[in-house]
Amino acid sequence: MPKFLIQATYTSEGTKGLLKEGGSGRRAAVEQVVTGLGGTVEAVYFAFGQDDVVLIIDLPDPVSMAAISLTVKASGGLHTRATPLLTVEEVDEAARRQVPFRAPSV
């Protein structure tokens, strides 16, 4: 199952919701969305700095991640970035694949 790193920053409206619901309420909301699409939540961490919340989630496919991303961004409560995560074995497999690439000539 594909794994994703989600980094998010709350808007002012999203921060108001976080203050109202607390971290536990927001984690429950994340779990409901992810499990509703057949995935699992590996980790939820709140932070300060560039990102307000960092998640690691597993989803059945990239389309599920895209659906979540579109829905969350449309809410206006968060600005998010989703990064696909690869296992060591997946990188090993990628390194073994032959890619017919020719660099552009100058």
C-alpha atoms as a PDB file:
ATOM      1  CA  MET A   1       0.000   0.000   0.000  1.00  0.00           C
ATOM      2  CA  PRO A   2       1.526   3.388  -0.966  1.00  0.00           C
ATOM      3  CA  LYS A   3       2.759   5.513   1.927  1.00  0.00           C
ATOM      4  CA  PHE A   4       2.605   9.325   1.969  1.00  0.00           C
ATOM      5  CA  LEU A   5       4.154  12.075   4.053  1.00  0.00           C
ATOM      6  CA  ILE A   6       1.677  14.927   4.505  1.00  0.00           C
ATOM      7  CA  GLN A   7       2.912  18.318   5.681  1.00  0.00           C
ATOM      8  CA  ALA A   8       0.274  20.940   6.399  1.00  0.00           C
ATOM      9  CA  THR A   9      -0.065  24.498   7.599  1.00  0.00           C
ATOM     10  CA  TYR A  10      -3.326  25.718   9.118  1.00  0.00           C
ATOM     11  CA  THR A  11      -4.988  28.861   7.828  1.00  0.00           C
ATOM     12  CA  SER A  12      -6.439  31.219  10.445  1.00  0.00           C
ATOM     13  CA  GLU A  13      -9.816  29.491  10.084  1.00  0.00           C
ATOM     14  CA  GLY A  14      -8.209  26.071  10.378  1.00  0.00           C
ATOM     15  CA  THR A  15      -6.362  27.188  13.509  1.00  0.00           C
ATOM     16  CA  LYS A  16      -9.661  28.270  15.063  1.00  0.00           C
ATOM     17  CA  GLY A  17     -10.996  24.764  14.422  1.00  0.00           C
ATOM     18  CA  LEU A  18      -7.883  23.214  15.965  1.00  0.00           C
ATOM     19  CA  LEU A  19      -8.278  25.374  19.070  1.00  0.00           C
ATOM     20  CA  LYS A  20     -11.928  24.324  19.334  1.00  0.00           C
ATOM     21  CA  GLU A  21     -11.430  20.569  18.733  1.00  0.00           C
ATOM     22  CA  GLY A  22      -7.919  20.077  20.054  1.00  0.00           C
ATOM     23  CA  GLY A  23      -5.331  17.769  18.573  1.00  0.00           C
ATOM     24  CA  SER A  24      -7.329  14.648  19.442  1.00  0.00           C
ATOM     25  CA  GLY A  25     -10.328  15.913  17.518  1.00  0.00           C
ATOM     26  CA  ARG A  26      -8.264  16.634  14.434  1.00  0.00           C
ATOM     27  CA  ARG A  27      -6.529  13.234  14.621  1.00  0.00           C
ATOM     28  CA  ALA A  28      -9.948  11.558  14.791  1.00  0.00           C
ATOM     29  CA  ALA A  29     -11.042  13.516  11.702  1.00  0.00           C
ATOM     30  CA  VAL A  30      -7.899  12.429   9.824  1.00  0.00           C
ATOM     31  CA  GLU A  31      -8.407   8.795  10.812  1.00  0.00           C
ATOM     32  CA  GLN A  32     -12.032   8.891   9.664  1.00  0.00           C
ATOM     33  CA  VAL A  33     -11.058  10.207   6.235  1.00  0.00           C
ATOM     34  CA  VAL A  34      -8.113   7.846   5.736  1.00  0.00           C
ATOM     35  CA  THR A  35      -9.823   4.685   7.004  1.00  0.00           C
ATOM     36  CA  GLY A  36     -12.929   5.589   5.007  1.00  0.00           C
ATOM     37  CA  LEU A  37     -10.817   5.212   1.864  1.00  0.00           C
ATOM     38  CA  GLY A  38      -9.273   1.924   3.005  1.00  0.00           C
ATOM     39  CA  GLY A  39      -6.064   3.377   4.421  1.00  0.00           C
ATOM     40  CA  THR A  40      -4.339   3.622   7.783  1.00  0.00           C
ATOM     41  CA  VAL A  41      -2.750   6.417   9.786  1.00  0.00           C
ATOM     42  CA  GLU A  42       0.779   5.583  10.900  1.00  0.00           C
ATOM     43  CA  ALA A  43       1.625   8.853  12.648  1.00  0.00           C
ATOM     44  CA  VAL A  44       0.251  12.309  13.428  1.00  0.00           C
ATOM     45  CA  TYR A  45       2.523  14.970  14.878  1.00  0.00           C
ATOM     46  CA  PHE A  46       1.806  18.614  15.560  1.00  0.00           C
ATOM     47  CA  ALA A  47       4.711  21.007  15.123  1.00  0.00           C
ATOM     48  CA  PHE A  48       5.597  24.649  14.975  1.00  0.00           C
ATOM     49  CA  GLY A  49       7.644  26.373  12.329  1.00  0.00           C
ATOM     50  CA  GLN A  50       6.937  25.971   8.629  1.00  0.00           C
ATOM     51  CA  ASP A  51       4.501  23.066   9.208  1.00  0.00           C
ATOM     52  CA  ASP A  52       1.750  22.818  11.812  1.00  0.00           C
ATOM     53  CA  VAL A  53       1.020  19.117  11.380  1.00  0.00           C
ATOM     54  CA  VAL A  54       2.922  16.197   9.861  1.00  0.00           C
ATOM     55  CA  LEU A  55       1.273  12.877   9.000  1.00  0.00           C
ATOM     56  CA  ILE A  56       2.372   9.537   7.633  1.00  0.00           C
ATOM     57  CA  ILE A  57      -0.476   7.619   6.053  1.00  0.00           C
ATOM     58  CA  ASP A  58      -0.966   4.505   3.935  1.00  0.00           C
ATOM     59  CA  LEU A  59      -3.583   4.560   1.170  1.00  0.00           C
ATOM     60  CA  PRO A  60      -4.658   1.972  -1.391  1.00  0.00           C
ATOM     61  CA  ASP A  61      -3.574   4.118  -4.344  1.00  0.00           C
ATOM     62  CA  PRO A  62      -2.444   7.604  -5.449  1.00  0.00           C
ATOM     63  CA  VAL A  63      -5.983   8.454  -6.605  1.00  0.00           C
ATOM     64  CA  SER A  64      -7.165   8.179  -2.978  1.00  0.00           C
ATOM     65  CA  MET A  65      -4.403  10.601  -1.967  1.00  0.00           C
ATOM     66  CA  ALA A  66      -5.458  13.000  -4.717  1.00  0.00           C
ATOM     67  CA  ALA A  67      -9.094  12.828  -3.582  1.00  0.00           C
ATOM     68  CA  ILE A  68      -8.123  13.665   0.007  1.00  0.00           C
ATOM     69  CA  SER A  69      -5.821  16.455  -1.137  1.00  0.00           C
ATOM     70  CA  LEU A  70      -8.486  18.082  -3.305  1.00  0.00           C
ATOM     71  CA  THR A  71     -11.122  17.877  -0.582  1.00  0.00           C
ATOM     72  CA  VAL A  72      -8.863  19.230   2.167  1.00  0.00           C
ATOM     73  CA  LYS A  73      -7.547  22.090   0.024  1.00  0.00           C
ATOM     74  CA  ALA A  74     -11.082  23.030  -1.045  1.00  0.00           C
ATOM     75  CA  SER A  75     -12.039  23.410   2.624  1.00  0.00           C
ATOM     76  CA  GLY A  76      -9.697  26.377   2.974  1.00  0.00           C
ATOM     77  CA  GLY A  77      -8.575  25.227   6.426  1.00  0.00           C
ATOM     78  CA  LEU A  78      -5.153  23.907   5.437  1.00  0.00           C
ATOM     79  CA  HIS A  79      -2.372  24.296   2.927  1.00  0.00           C
ATOM     80  CA  THR A  80      -0.925  20.830   2.317  1.00  0.00           C
ATOM     81  CA  ARG A  81       1.926  19.031   0.585  1.00  0.00           C
ATOM     82  CA  ALA A  82       1.849  15.286  -0.070  1.00  0.00           C
ATOM     83  CA  THR A  83       5.071  13.400  -0.734  1.00  0.00           C
ATOM     84  CA  PRO A  84       5.036   9.759  -1.828  1.00  0.00           C
ATOM     85  CA  LEU A  85       7.395   7.700   0.346  1.00  0.00           C
ATOM     86  CA  LEU A  86       9.411   4.792  -1.024  1.00  0.00           C
ATOM     87  CA  THR A  87      10.835   1.841   0.863  1.00  0.00           C
ATOM     88  CA  VAL A  88      14.495   0.895   0.598  1.00  0.00           C
ATOM     89  CA  GLU A  89      13.433  -2.116  -1.474  1.00  0.00           C
ATOM     90  CA  GLU A  90      11.481   0.083  -3.903  1.00  0.00           C
ATOM     91  CA  VAL A  91      14.524   2.318  -4.410  1.00  0.00           C
ATOM     92  CA  ASP A  92      16.681  -0.783  -4.967  1.00  0.00           C
ATOM     93  CA  GLU A  93      14.227  -1.971  -7.628  1.00  0.00           C
ATOM     94  CA  ALA A  94      14.225   1.464  -9.272  1.00  0.00           C
ATOM     95  CA  ALA A  95      18.026   1.513  -9.310  1.00  0.00           C
ATOM     96  CA  ARG A  96      18.065  -1.826 -11.173  1.00  0.00           C
ATOM     97  CA  ARG A  97      15.686  -0.692 -13.941  1.00  0.00           C
ATOM     98  CA  GLN A  98      17.177   0.322 -17.252  1.00  0.00           C
ATOM     99  CA  VAL A  99      15.943   3.715 -18.442  1.00  0.00           C
ATOM    100  CA  PRO A 100      16.583   4.696 -22.071  1.00  0.00           C
ATOM    101  CA  PHE A 101      17.475   8.346 -21.417  1.00  0.00           C
ATOM    102  CA  ARG A 102      19.626  10.701 -23.426  1.00  0.00           C
ATOM    103  CA  ALA A 103      20.599  14.013 -21.857  1.00  0.00           C
ATOM    104  CA  PRO A 104      19.834  17.111 -23.950  1.00  0.00           C
ATOM    105  CA  SER A 105      22.814  18.290 -25.949  1.00  0.00           C
ATOM    106  CA  VAL A 106      24.074  21.802 -25.587  1.00  0.00           C
END
